[in-house]
Amino acid sequence: MIILLSHLGWEQELALVRSVPDVDVIIGGNYSRLRLEEAQRIGETGPIVVNAGYLGKWLGVLELVVDREGRIVSFTARRVLFDESIPADPVMQTWLEASLWAEGGRCPRSGG
């Protein structure tokens, strides 16, 4: 099974999948204009595409059922709002606050 973790954006990911047809799942980011409300499959047998939005507002959960040959039989995906109901991880929080992303003024848990 090949899972592509990407921040290329929708169009570039589609182009990549055309040249690397064995990709089974694309977990994408950088979809500020395109918001996939649910997982999508490209064609009948193409890869499953999921994203959790942008700017760290959501967590994505993808569950796959795979047969003995490694083929995806079924899948479910959902988004979970990344809010105060999910406890902050202190190590990750420290990293976020020190990162360039936080310096750009957008750290979800620090209020900045």
Protein backbone atom coordinates (compact mmCIF):
# COMPACT_ATOMS: atom_id res chain seq x y z
CA MET A 1 0.00 0.00 0.00
CA ILE A 2 1.29 3.44 -0.94
CA ILE A 3 0.10 6.42 1.12
CA LEU A 4 1.11 9.85 -0.17
CA LEU A 5 1.41 12.56 2.49
CA SER A 6 1.37 15.80 0.58
CA HIS A 7 1.26 19.54 0.88
CA LEU A 8 1.38 20.10 -2.88
CA GLY A 9 -2.27 21.04 -3.34
CA TRP A 10 -5.09 19.38 -5.25
CA GLU A 11 -3.98 19.95 -8.86
CA GLN A 12 -0.37 18.92 -8.26
CA GLU A 13 -1.45 15.82 -6.36
CA LEU A 14 -3.69 14.77 -9.24
CA ALA A 15 -0.80 15.27 -11.66
CA LEU A 16 1.49 13.21 -9.44
CA VAL A 17 -1.04 10.37 -9.21
CA ARG A 18 -1.27 10.27 -13.01
CA SER A 19 2.48 9.62 -13.18
CA VAL A 20 2.57 7.30 -10.13
CA PRO A 21 -0.60 5.23 -10.57
CA ASP A 22 0.04 2.84 -7.67
CA VAL A 23 -0.81 5.42 -4.98
CA ASP A 24 -3.66 4.10 -2.81
CA VAL A 25 -4.32 7.05 -0.49
CA ILE A 26 -3.54 10.76 -0.66
CA ILE A 27 -3.54 12.59 2.65
CA GLY A 28 -3.34 16.14 1.41
CA GLY A 29 -2.92 19.59 2.76
CA ASN A 30 -2.67 23.09 1.35
CA TYR A 31 -6.34 22.99 0.33
CA SER A 32 -7.26 26.50 1.40
CA ARG A 33 -9.65 26.98 -1.52
CA LEU A 34 -10.86 23.41 -1.87
CA ARG A 35 -12.48 21.79 1.11
CA LEU A 36 -13.30 18.13 0.79
CA GLU A 37 -16.14 17.51 3.21
CA GLU A 38 -15.62 13.77 2.95
CA ALA A 39 -13.13 11.33 1.51
CA GLN A 40 -13.28 10.93 -2.24
CA ARG A 41 -12.09 8.20 -4.52
CA ILE A 42 -10.66 9.28 -7.85
CA GLY A 43 -12.45 7.07 -10.37
CA GLU A 44 -13.62 3.58 -9.50
CA THR A 45 -10.24 2.18 -8.53
CA GLY A 46 -8.08 5.27 -8.05
CA PRO A 47 -6.68 6.60 -4.81
CA ILE A 48 -8.73 7.76 -1.86
CA VAL A 49 -8.20 11.47 -1.20
CA VAL A 50 -8.65 13.01 2.24
CA ASN A 51 -7.70 16.27 3.88
CA ALA A 52 -8.43 17.86 7.20
CA GLY A 53 -8.71 21.43 6.00
CA TYR A 54 -6.06 24.00 6.73
CA LEU A 55 -4.49 26.11 9.50
CA GLY A 56 -4.78 23.29 12.03
CA LYS A 57 -8.51 23.73 12.62
CA TRP A 58 -9.41 20.06 12.13
CA LEU A 59 -7.98 16.61 12.76
CA GLY A 60 -8.60 13.98 10.12
CA VAL A 61 -9.49 10.37 10.88
CA LEU A 62 -9.27 7.81 8.07
CA GLU A 63 -10.13 4.17 8.69
CA LEU A 64 -9.31 1.59 6.01
CA VAL A 65 -10.44 -2.01 5.70
CA VAL A 66 -7.80 -3.91 3.73
CA ASP A 67 -8.03 -7.46 2.38
CA ARG A 68 -5.24 -10.05 2.56
CA GLU A 69 -3.82 -8.85 -0.77
CA GLY A 70 -3.47 -5.31 0.55
CA ARG A 71 -6.40 -3.86 -1.43
CA ILE A 72 -8.68 -1.33 0.20
CA VAL A 73 -12.09 -2.94 0.56
CA SER A 74 -13.83 -0.02 2.27
CA PHE A 75 -13.04 3.21 4.04
CA THR A 76 -14.53 5.87 6.26
CA ALA A 77 -13.22 9.31 6.99
CA ARG A 78 -14.26 12.13 9.25
CA ARG A 79 -13.06 15.43 10.59
CA VAL A 80 -12.82 16.32 14.25
CA LEU A 81 -12.86 20.00 15.19
CA PHE A 82 -9.53 20.79 16.83
CA ASP A 83 -10.80 22.90 19.69
CA GLU A 84 -10.41 23.13 23.46
CA SER A 85 -12.19 19.79 23.94
CA ILE A 86 -9.00 18.09 22.73
CA PRO A 87 -6.23 18.47 25.31
CA ALA A 88 -3.06 20.16 24.09
CA ASP A 89 0.12 18.10 23.94
CA PRO A 90 2.71 20.14 25.87
CA VAL A 91 5.65 19.10 23.65
CA MET A 92 3.76 19.88 20.46
CA GLN A 93 2.48 23.16 21.91
CA THR A 94 6.03 24.27 22.69
CA TRP A 95 7.16 23.36 19.20
CA LEU A 96 4.23 25.19 17.58
CA GLU A 97 4.81 28.33 19.59
CA ALA A 98 8.48 28.35 18.59
CA SER A 99 7.90 27.52 14.93
CA LEU A 100 7.87 29.88 11.99
CA TRP A 101 4.16 29.15 11.63
CA ALA A 102 3.48 30.59 15.08
CA GLU A 103 5.72 33.56 14.31
CA GLY A 104 3.42 34.23 11.36
CA GLY A 105 0.73 34.95 13.91
CA ARG A 106 -1.37 31.79 13.77
CA CYS A 107 -0.95 29.28 16.58
CA PRO A 108 -4.37 27.70 17.29
CA ARG A 109 -3.80 26.79 20.94
CA SER A 110 -1.94 29.89 22.09
CA GLY A 111 -4.59 32.29 20.89
CA GLY A 112 -1.96 34.03 18.80
